[in-house]
Amino acid sequence: MSQSSNKLNRLLTQTCGFLFGIAIAVWVLRGFGILGFMPGGVIWLLFLAAFAFAILSYMQKTWWRF
């Protein structure tokens, strides 16, 4: 695997973890009523974005050879 490919995979993985962490934090804070004004769709978008970055990271690591 090339150096740029490793950097891209690390960036995708870190972005996935960051988005997933933010989604969990917002979900918990909304459950406690602190972020009660936050619509549920925003939380779902964060989870879906994290899932999309996880898929991209997996695809980049296994399928894309450049």
PDB file of N, CA and C in Angstrom:
ATOM      1  N   MET A   1       0.848  -1.168   0.000  1.00  0.00           N
ATOM      2  CA  MET A   1       0.000   0.000   0.000  1.00  0.00           C
ATOM      3  C   MET A   1       0.894   1.232   0.000  1.00  0.00           C
ATOM      4  N   SER A   2       0.566   2.216  -0.825  1.00  0.00           N
ATOM      5  CA  SER A   2       1.403   3.395  -0.943  1.00  0.00           C
ATOM      6  C   SER A   2       1.203   4.323   0.259  1.00  0.00           C
ATOM      7  N   GLN A   3       2.124   5.264   0.382  1.00  0.00           N
ATOM      8  CA  GLN A   3       2.084   6.203   1.506  1.00  0.00           C
ATOM      9  C   GLN A   3       0.839   7.083   1.444  1.00  0.00           C
ATOM     10  N   SER A   4       0.479   7.576   0.243  1.00  0.00           N
ATOM     11  CA  SER A   4      -0.707   8.427   0.125  1.00  0.00           C
ATOM     12  C   SER A   4      -1.977   7.637   0.416  1.00  0.00           C
ATOM     13  N   SER A   5      -1.970   6.360   0.070  1.00  0.00           N
ATOM     14  CA  SER A   5      -3.123   5.513   0.354  1.00  0.00           C
ATOM     15  C   SER A   5      -3.289   5.311   1.856  1.00  0.00           C
ATOM     16  N   ASN A   6      -2.171   5.150   2.571  1.00  0.00           N
ATOM     17  CA  ASN A   6      -2.239   5.013   4.021  1.00  0.00           C
ATOM     18  C   ASN A   6      -2.753   6.288   4.682  1.00  0.00           C
ATOM     19  N   LYS A   7      -2.297   7.438   4.180  1.00  0.00           N
ATOM     20  CA  LYS A   7      -2.752   8.715   4.741  1.00  0.00           C
ATOM     21  C   LYS A   7      -4.243   8.911   4.508  1.00  0.00           C
ATOM     22  N   LEU A   8      -4.696   8.575   3.300  1.00  0.00           N
ATOM     23  CA  LEU A   8      -6.114   8.717   2.981  1.00  0.00           C
ATOM     24  C   LEU A   8      -6.956   7.789   3.845  1.00  0.00           C
ATOM     25  N   ASN A   9      -6.513   6.553   4.028  1.00  0.00           N
ATOM     26  CA  ASN A   9      -7.265   5.610   4.849  1.00  0.00           C
ATOM     27  C   ASN A   9      -7.308   6.074   6.305  1.00  0.00           C
ATOM     28  N   ARG A  10      -6.197   6.594   6.804  1.00  0.00           N
ATOM     29  CA  ARG A  10      -6.179   7.093   8.183  1.00  0.00           C
ATOM     30  C   ARG A  10      -7.110   8.288   8.335  1.00  0.00           C
ATOM     31  N   LEU A  11      -7.126   9.186   7.338  1.00  0.00           N
ATOM     32  CA  LEU A  11      -8.014  10.340   7.385  1.00  0.00           C
ATOM     33  C   LEU A  11      -9.481   9.910   7.358  1.00  0.00           C
ATOM     34  N   LEU A  12      -9.817   8.963   6.493  1.00  0.00           N
ATOM     35  CA  LEU A  12     -11.196   8.472   6.431  1.00  0.00           C
ATOM     36  C   LEU A  12     -11.609   7.794   7.732  1.00  0.00           C
ATOM     37  N   THR A  13     -10.709   7.013   8.315  1.00  0.00           N
ATOM     38  CA  THR A  13     -11.017   6.327   9.565  1.00  0.00           C
ATOM     39  C   THR A  13     -11.178   7.317  10.713  1.00  0.00           C
ATOM     40  N   GLN A  14     -10.311   8.326  10.776  1.00  0.00           N
ATOM     41  CA  GLN A  14     -10.418   9.326  11.828  1.00  0.00           C
ATOM     42  C   GLN A  14     -11.691  10.147  11.685  1.00  0.00           C
ATOM     43  N   THR A  15     -12.056  10.482  10.456  1.00  0.00           N
ATOM     44  CA  THR A  15     -13.290  11.230  10.223  1.00  0.00           C
ATOM     45  C   THR A  15     -14.506  10.406  10.631  1.00  0.00           C
ATOM     46  N   CYS A  16     -14.476   9.123  10.329  1.00  0.00           N
ATOM     47  CA  CYS A  16     -15.564   8.231  10.731  1.00  0.00           C
ATOM     48  C   CYS A  16     -15.692   8.208  12.249  1.00  0.00           C
ATOM     49  N   GLY A  17     -14.588   8.038  12.943  1.00  0.00           N
ATOM     50  CA  GLY A  17     -14.619   8.012  14.406  1.00  0.00           C
ATOM     51  C   GLY A  17     -15.068   9.332  14.999  1.00  0.00           C
ATOM     52  N   PHE A  18     -14.615  10.434  14.413  1.00  0.00           N
ATOM     53  CA  PHE A  18     -15.010  11.754  14.896  1.00  0.00           C
ATOM     54  C   PHE A  18     -16.513  11.958  14.742  1.00  0.00           C
ATOM     55  N   LEU A  19     -17.044  11.653  13.564  1.00  0.00           N
ATOM     56  CA  LEU A  19     -18.483  11.819  13.334  1.00  0.00           C
ATOM     57  C   LEU A  19     -19.312  10.896  14.221  1.00  0.00           C
ATOM     58  N   PHE A  20     -18.830   9.675  14.399  1.00  0.00           N
ATOM     59  CA  PHE A  20     -19.551   8.740  15.264  1.00  0.00           C
ATOM     60  C   PHE A  20     -19.542   9.237  16.713  1.00  0.00           C
ATOM     61  N   GLY A  21     -18.402   9.745  17.161  1.00  0.00           N
ATOM     62  CA  GLY A  21     -18.312  10.292  18.525  1.00  0.00           C
ATOM     63  C   GLY A  21     -19.216  11.494  18.728  1.00  0.00           C
ATOM     64  N   ILE A  22     -19.248  12.389  17.749  1.00  0.00           N
ATOM     65  CA  ILE A  22     -20.127  13.555  17.842  1.00  0.00           C
ATOM     66  C   ILE A  22     -21.588  13.114  17.851  1.00  0.00           C
ATOM     67  N   ALA A  23     -21.933  12.139  17.022  1.00  0.00           N
ATOM     68  CA  ALA A  23     -23.316  11.653  16.973  1.00  0.00           C
ATOM     69  C   ALA A  23     -23.735  11.043  18.311  1.00  0.00           C
ATOM     70  N   ILE A  24     -22.857  10.257  18.916  1.00  0.00           N
ATOM     71  CA  ILE A  24     -23.173   9.665  20.226  1.00  0.00           C
ATOM     72  C   ILE A  24     -23.314  10.760  21.281  1.00  0.00           C
ATOM     73  N   ALA A  25     -22.405  11.738  21.268  1.00  0.00           N
ATOM     74  CA  ALA A  25     -22.470  12.825  22.252  1.00  0.00           C
ATOM     75  C   ALA A  25     -23.762  13.622  22.104  1.00  0.00           C
ATOM     76  N   VAL A  26     -24.133  13.956  20.875  1.00  0.00           N
ATOM     77  CA  VAL A  26     -25.365  14.712  20.649  1.00  0.00           C
ATOM     78  C   VAL A  26     -26.573  13.887  21.060  1.00  0.00           C
ATOM     79  N   TRP A  27     -26.555  12.596  20.765  1.00  0.00           N
ATOM     80  CA  TRP A  27     -27.669  11.716  21.124  1.00  0.00           C
ATOM     81  C   TRP A  27     -27.845  11.642  22.641  1.00  0.00           C
ATOM     82  N   VAL A  28     -26.744  11.492  23.368  1.00  0.00           N
ATOM     83  CA  VAL A  28     -26.806  11.411  24.830  1.00  0.00           C
ATOM     84  C   VAL A  28     -27.254  12.748  25.414  1.00  0.00           C
ATOM     85  N   LEU A  29     -26.681  13.848  24.929  1.00  0.00           N
ATOM     86  CA  LEU A  29     -27.073  15.165  25.449  1.00  0.00           C
ATOM     87  C   LEU A  29     -28.524  15.486  25.125  1.00  0.00           C
ATOM     88  N   ARG A  30     -28.996  15.038  23.981  1.00  0.00           N
ATOM     89  CA  ARG A  30     -30.413  15.232  23.650  1.00  0.00           C
ATOM     90  C   ARG A  30     -31.295  14.389  24.570  1.00  0.00           C
ATOM     91  N   GLY A  31     -30.830  13.216  24.915  1.00  0.00           N
ATOM     92  CA  GLY A  31     -31.581  12.365  25.839  1.00  0.00           C
ATOM     93  C   GLY A  31     -31.688  12.965  27.222  1.00  0.00           C
ATOM     94  N   PHE A  32     -30.654  13.661  27.654  1.00  0.00           N
ATOM     95  CA  PHE A  32     -30.680  14.340  28.957  1.00  0.00           C
ATOM     96  C   PHE A  32     -31.467  15.641  28.916  1.00  0.00           C
ATOM     97  N   GLY A  33     -31.848  16.088  27.737  1.00  0.00           N
ATOM     98  CA  GLY A  33     -32.633  17.305  27.599  1.00  0.00           C
ATOM     99  C   GLY A  33     -31.796  18.548  27.406  1.00  0.00           C
ATOM    100  N   ILE A  34     -30.491  18.413  27.360  1.00  0.00           N
ATOM    101  CA  ILE A  34     -29.623  19.578  27.186  1.00  0.00           C
ATOM    102  C   ILE A  34     -29.717  20.100  25.755  1.00  0.00           C
ATOM    103  N   LEU A  35     -29.753  19.205  24.800  1.00  0.00           N
ATOM    104  CA  LEU A  35     -29.903  19.590  23.392  1.00  0.00           C
ATOM    105  C   LEU A  35     -31.277  19.177  22.882  1.00  0.00           C
ATOM    106  N   GLY A  36     -32.298  19.511  23.633  1.00  0.00           N
ATOM    107  CA  GLY A  36     -33.656  19.127  23.268  1.00  0.00           C
ATOM    108  C   GLY A  36     -34.147  19.768  21.994  1.00  0.00           C
ATOM    109  N   PHE A  37     -33.562  20.893  21.619  1.00  0.00           N
ATOM    110  CA  PHE A  37     -33.976  21.587  20.400  1.00  0.00           C
ATOM    111  C   PHE A  37     -33.432  20.932  19.138  1.00  0.00           C
ATOM    112  N   MET A  38     -32.459  20.015  19.296  1.00  0.00           N
ATOM    113  CA  MET A  38     -31.809  19.381  18.143  1.00  0.00           C
ATOM    114  C   MET A  38     -32.763  18.365  17.514  1.00  0.00           C
ATOM    115  N   PRO A  39     -33.061  18.520  16.222  1.00  0.00           N
ATOM    116  CA  PRO A  39     -33.950  17.546  15.579  1.00  0.00           C
ATOM    117  C   PRO A  39     -33.272  16.178  15.430  1.00  0.00           C
ATOM    118  N   GLY A  40     -34.078  15.148  15.474  1.00  0.00           N
ATOM    119  CA  GLY A  40     -33.550  13.794  15.358  1.00  0.00           C
ATOM    120  C   GLY A  40     -32.908  13.513  14.015  1.00  0.00           C
ATOM    121  N   GLY A  41     -33.334  14.230  12.982  1.00  0.00           N
ATOM    122  CA  GLY A  41     -32.756  14.039  11.663  1.00  0.00           C
ATOM    123  C   GLY A  41     -31.280  14.389  11.605  1.00  0.00           C
ATOM    124  N   VAL A  42     -30.871  15.364  12.400  1.00  0.00           N
ATOM    125  CA  VAL A  42     -29.457  15.750  12.440  1.00  0.00           C
ATOM    126  C   VAL A  42     -28.623  14.608  13.009  1.00  0.00           C
ATOM    127  N   ILE A  43     -29.133  13.958  14.025  1.00  0.00           N
ATOM    128  CA  ILE A  43     -28.418  12.834  14.629  1.00  0.00           C
ATOM    129  C   ILE A  43     -28.316  11.689  13.626  1.00  0.00           C
ATOM    130  N   TRP A  44     -29.401  11.420  12.911  1.00  0.00           N
ATOM    131  CA  TRP A  44     -29.365  10.368  11.895  1.00  0.00           C
ATOM    132  C   TRP A  44     -28.387  10.704  10.786  1.00  0.00           C
ATOM    133  N   LEU A  45     -28.315  11.975  10.379  1.00  0.00           N
ATOM    134  CA  LEU A  45     -27.355  12.371   9.349  1.00  0.00           C
ATOM    135  C   LEU A  45     -25.920  12.171   9.819  1.00  0.00           C
ATOM    136  N   LEU A  46     -25.651  12.455  11.090  1.00  0.00           N
ATOM    137  CA  LEU A  46     -24.305  12.229  11.622  1.00  0.00           C
ATOM    138  C   LEU A  46     -23.961  10.738  11.606  1.00  0.00           C
ATOM    139  N   PHE A  47     -24.906   9.902  12.026  1.00  0.00           N
ATOM    140  CA  PHE A  47     -24.667   8.456  11.994  1.00  0.00           C
ATOM    141  C   PHE A  47     -24.472   7.953  10.563  1.00  0.00           C
ATOM    142  N   LEU A  48     -25.289   8.430   9.637  1.00  0.00           N
ATOM    143  CA  LEU A  48     -25.162   8.004   8.245  1.00  0.00           C
ATOM    144  C   LEU A  48     -23.847   8.486   7.629  1.00  0.00           C
ATOM    145  N   ALA A  49     -23.425   9.694   7.973  1.00  0.00           N
ATOM    146  CA  ALA A  49     -22.146  10.192   7.466  1.00  0.00           C
ATOM    147  C   ALA A  49     -20.991   9.358   8.009  1.00  0.00           C
ATOM    148  N   ALA A  50     -21.052   9.001   9.297  1.00  0.00           N
ATOM    149  CA  ALA A  50     -20.006   8.152   9.884  1.00  0.00           C
ATOM    150  C   ALA A  50     -19.990   6.787   9.209  1.00  0.00           C
ATOM    151  N   PHE A  51     -21.159   6.236   8.944  1.00  0.00           N
ATOM    152  CA  PHE A  51     -21.255   4.950   8.265  1.00  0.00           C
ATOM    153  C   PHE A  51     -20.703   5.043   6.843  1.00  0.00           C
ATOM    154  N   ALA A  52     -20.997   6.143   6.145  1.00  0.00           N
ATOM    155  CA  ALA A  52     -20.489   6.335   4.783  1.00  0.00           C
ATOM    156  C   ALA A  52     -18.965   6.430   4.780  1.00  0.00           C
ATOM    157  N   PHE A  53     -18.393   7.136   5.748  1.00  0.00           N
ATOM    158  CA  PHE A  53     -16.941   7.232   5.825  1.00  0.00           C
ATOM    159  C   PHE A  53     -16.319   5.888   6.178  1.00  0.00           C
ATOM    160  N   ALA A  54     -17.000   5.091   6.976  1.00  0.00           N
ATOM    161  CA  ALA A  54     -16.487   3.752   7.290  1.00  0.00           C
ATOM    162  C   ALA A  54     -16.471   2.884   6.035  1.00  0.00           C
ATOM    163  N   ILE A  55     -17.514   2.969   5.226  1.00  0.00           N
ATOM    164  CA  ILE A  55     -17.561   2.198   3.979  1.00  0.00           C
ATOM    165  C   ILE A  55     -16.469   2.678   3.025  1.00  0.00           C
ATOM    166  N   LEU A  56     -16.297   3.992   2.897  1.00  0.00           N
ATOM    167  CA  LEU A  56     -15.245   4.521   2.037  1.00  0.00           C
ATOM    168  C   LEU A  56     -13.864   4.084   2.502  1.00  0.00           C
ATOM    169  N   SER A  57     -13.657   4.070   3.796  1.00  0.00           N
ATOM    170  CA  SER A  57     -12.372   3.633   4.334  1.00  0.00           C
ATOM    171  C   SER A  57     -12.125   2.166   4.013  1.00  0.00           C
ATOM    172  N   TYR A  58     -13.145   1.350   4.166  1.00  0.00           N
ATOM    173  CA  TYR A  58     -13.008  -0.072   3.854  1.00  0.00           C
ATOM    174  C   TYR A  58     -12.745  -0.282   2.369  1.00  0.00           C
ATOM    175  N   MET A  59     -13.500   0.429   1.527  1.00  0.00           N
ATOM    176  CA  MET A  59     -13.319   0.285   0.085  1.00  0.00           C
ATOM    177  C   MET A  59     -11.930   0.753  -0.337  1.00  0.00           C
ATOM    178  N   GLN A  60     -11.472   1.847   0.238  1.00  0.00           N
ATOM    179  CA  GLN A  60     -10.165   2.373  -0.124  1.00  0.00           C
ATOM    180  C   GLN A  60      -9.062   1.405   0.280  1.00  0.00           C
ATOM    181  N   LYS A  61      -9.235   0.755   1.406  1.00  0.00           N
ATOM    182  CA  LYS A  61      -8.210  -0.155   1.898  1.00  0.00           C
ATOM    183  C   LYS A  61      -8.176  -1.457   1.106  1.00  0.00           C
ATOM    184  N   THR A  62      -9.336  -1.947   0.679  1.00  0.00           N
ATOM    185  CA  THR A  62      -9.370  -3.278   0.076  1.00  0.00           C
ATOM    186  C   THR A  62      -9.492  -3.278  -1.443  1.00  0.00           C
ATOM    187  N   TRP A  63     -10.220  -2.330  -2.019  1.00  0.00           N
ATOM    188  CA  TRP A  63     -10.536  -2.415  -3.431  1.00  0.00           C
ATOM    189  C   TRP A  63      -9.739  -1.440  -4.288  1.00  0.00           C
ATOM    190  N   TRP A  64      -9.569  -0.211  -3.828  1.00  0.00           N
ATOM    191  CA  TRP A  64      -8.909   0.789  -4.654  1.00  0.00           C
ATOM    192  C   TRP A  64      -7.414   0.634  -4.516  1.00  0.00           C
ATOM    193  N   ARG A  65      -6.759   0.306  -5.584  1.00  0.00           N
ATOM    194  CA  ARG A  65      -5.306   0.141  -5.583  1.00  0.00           C
ATOM    195  C   ARG A  65      -4.685   1.218  -6.447  1.00  0.00           C
ATOM    196  N   PHE A  66      -4.244   2.299  -5.822  1.00  0.00           N
ATOM    197  CA  PHE A  66      -3.587   3.362  -6.587  1.00  0.00           C
ATOM    198  C   PHE A  66      -2.421   3.927  -5.841  1.00  0.00           C
TER     199      PHE A  66
END
